[in-house]
Amino acid sequence: MSWVWLFAAIALETSATMCLRASDGYRKRVWIAPMLLAYIASFTCLGFSLSAGMPVGIAYGIWTAIGVCLVALLTRVIWADPLTRRMMLGIAVIAVGVLLVEVG
């Protein structure tokens, strides 16, 4: 069950960050409430994941790493934000790092 909570936390955090991007520096205020609610829900789900027995180092590492990768990819698709070869290499390094933490 801890993995279900963790993946919910990742999805919510990614959604919140996408709302932050959509708000255009808080100029589009319609995105502020969904952003805040999604961040609160994300931290709540992360807490439930920890309560279900997932070690904090693994949960936090995976939560942040996957969130960074998803946001980079989604902002590229939705807003055509830059995604350079160096950034893609960074995403690959993050993926390898998460795998090493998980099996370590």
Protein backbone atom coordinates (compact mmCIF):
# COMPACT_ATOMS: atom_id res chain seq x y z
CA MET A 1 0.00 0.00 0.00
CA SER A 2 2.94 2.33 0.59
CA TRP A 3 3.70 2.32 -3.16
CA VAL A 4 0.12 3.29 -4.02
CA TRP A 5 0.37 6.28 -1.70
CA LEU A 6 3.77 7.19 -3.10
CA PHE A 7 2.58 7.12 -6.72
CA ALA A 8 -0.46 9.20 -5.74
CA ALA A 9 1.90 11.71 -4.09
CA ILE A 10 4.02 11.83 -7.26
CA ALA A 11 0.99 12.37 -9.50
CA LEU A 12 -0.37 15.12 -7.25
CA GLU A 13 2.99 16.89 -6.90
CA THR A 14 3.49 16.79 -10.66
CA SER A 15 -0.02 18.15 -11.19
CA ALA A 16 0.61 20.93 -8.68
CA THR A 17 3.84 21.92 -10.39
CA MET A 18 2.09 21.94 -13.76
CA CYS A 19 -0.55 24.26 -12.25
CA LEU A 20 2.27 26.48 -11.00
CA ARG A 21 3.65 26.66 -14.54
CA ALA A 22 0.17 27.27 -15.97
CA SER A 23 -0.36 30.16 -13.56
CA ASP A 24 2.30 32.13 -15.46
CA GLY A 25 3.95 33.59 -12.39
CA TYR A 26 0.61 33.79 -10.54
CA ARG A 27 -0.84 36.04 -13.23
CA LYS A 28 -3.53 33.47 -14.04
CA ARG A 29 -5.05 33.16 -10.60
CA VAL A 30 -7.44 30.37 -11.55
CA TRP A 31 -4.52 27.91 -11.17
CA ILE A 32 -3.54 28.94 -7.63
CA ALA A 33 -6.19 27.04 -5.66
CA PRO A 34 -5.74 23.75 -7.57
CA MET A 35 -1.99 24.11 -7.16
CA LEU A 36 -2.21 24.59 -3.39
CA LEU A 37 -4.69 21.75 -2.97
CA ALA A 38 -2.57 19.38 -5.04
CA TYR A 39 0.59 20.21 -3.06
CA ILE A 40 -1.23 19.66 0.25
CA ALA A 41 -2.69 16.38 -1.02
CA SER A 42 0.72 15.31 -2.29
CA PHE A 43 2.39 15.82 1.07
CA THR A 44 -0.50 14.04 2.74
CA CYS A 45 -0.11 11.03 0.45
CA LEU A 46 3.64 11.06 1.01
CA GLY A 47 2.97 10.95 4.75
CA PHE A 48 0.61 8.00 4.29
CA SER A 49 3.31 6.23 2.30
CA LEU A 50 5.73 6.69 5.17
CA SER A 51 3.11 5.57 7.67
CA ALA A 52 2.60 2.41 5.60
CA GLY A 53 6.25 1.52 6.15
CA MET A 54 8.24 2.98 3.27
CA PRO A 55 11.63 4.32 4.41
CA VAL A 56 11.83 8.11 4.13
CA GLY A 57 15.04 8.09 2.11
CA ILE A 58 13.52 5.89 -0.57
CA ALA A 59 10.13 7.62 -0.58
CA TYR A 60 11.52 11.13 -0.76
CA GLY A 61 14.17 10.23 -3.31
CA ILE A 62 11.73 8.55 -5.65
CA TRP A 63 9.07 11.25 -5.11
CA THR A 64 11.41 14.07 -6.04
CA ALA A 65 13.27 12.27 -8.83
CA ILE A 66 10.21 11.06 -10.70
CA GLY A 67 8.55 14.44 -10.16
CA VAL A 68 11.49 16.28 -11.73
CA CYS A 69 11.55 13.92 -14.71
CA LEU A 70 7.80 14.10 -15.30
CA VAL A 71 7.68 17.87 -15.04
CA ALA A 72 10.55 18.26 -17.50
CA LEU A 73 8.87 15.95 -20.00
CA LEU A 74 5.37 17.36 -19.57
CA THR A 75 6.42 20.99 -19.85
CA ARG A 76 8.24 20.09 -23.05
CA VAL A 77 5.09 18.51 -24.50
CA ILE A 78 2.58 21.10 -23.26
CA TRP A 79 4.51 24.40 -23.42
CA ALA A 80 7.47 23.48 -25.64
CA ASP A 81 9.90 24.25 -22.82
CA PRO A 82 13.49 23.37 -23.66
CA LEU A 83 14.62 19.78 -23.23
CA THR A 84 18.26 19.64 -24.26
CA ARG A 85 20.49 16.61 -24.58
CA ARG A 86 22.16 17.58 -21.33
CA MET A 87 18.76 17.69 -19.61
CA MET A 88 17.83 14.27 -21.05
CA LEU A 89 21.15 12.92 -19.78
CA GLY A 90 20.26 14.34 -16.37
CA ILE A 91 16.92 12.55 -16.47
CA ALA A 92 18.72 9.30 -17.31
CA VAL A 93 21.15 9.84 -14.42
CA ILE A 94 18.22 10.47 -12.08
CA ALA A 95 16.56 7.24 -13.24
CA VAL A 96 19.75 5.26 -12.63
CA GLY A 97 20.15 6.91 -9.22
CA VAL A 98 16.61 6.01 -8.18
CA LEU A 99 17.20 2.44 -9.31
CA LEU A 100 20.42 2.24 -7.30
CA VAL A 101 18.73 3.61 -4.19
CA GLU A 102 15.88 1.14 -4.60
CA VAL A 103 18.09 -1.95 -4.98
CA GLY A 104 20.79 -0.68 -2.59
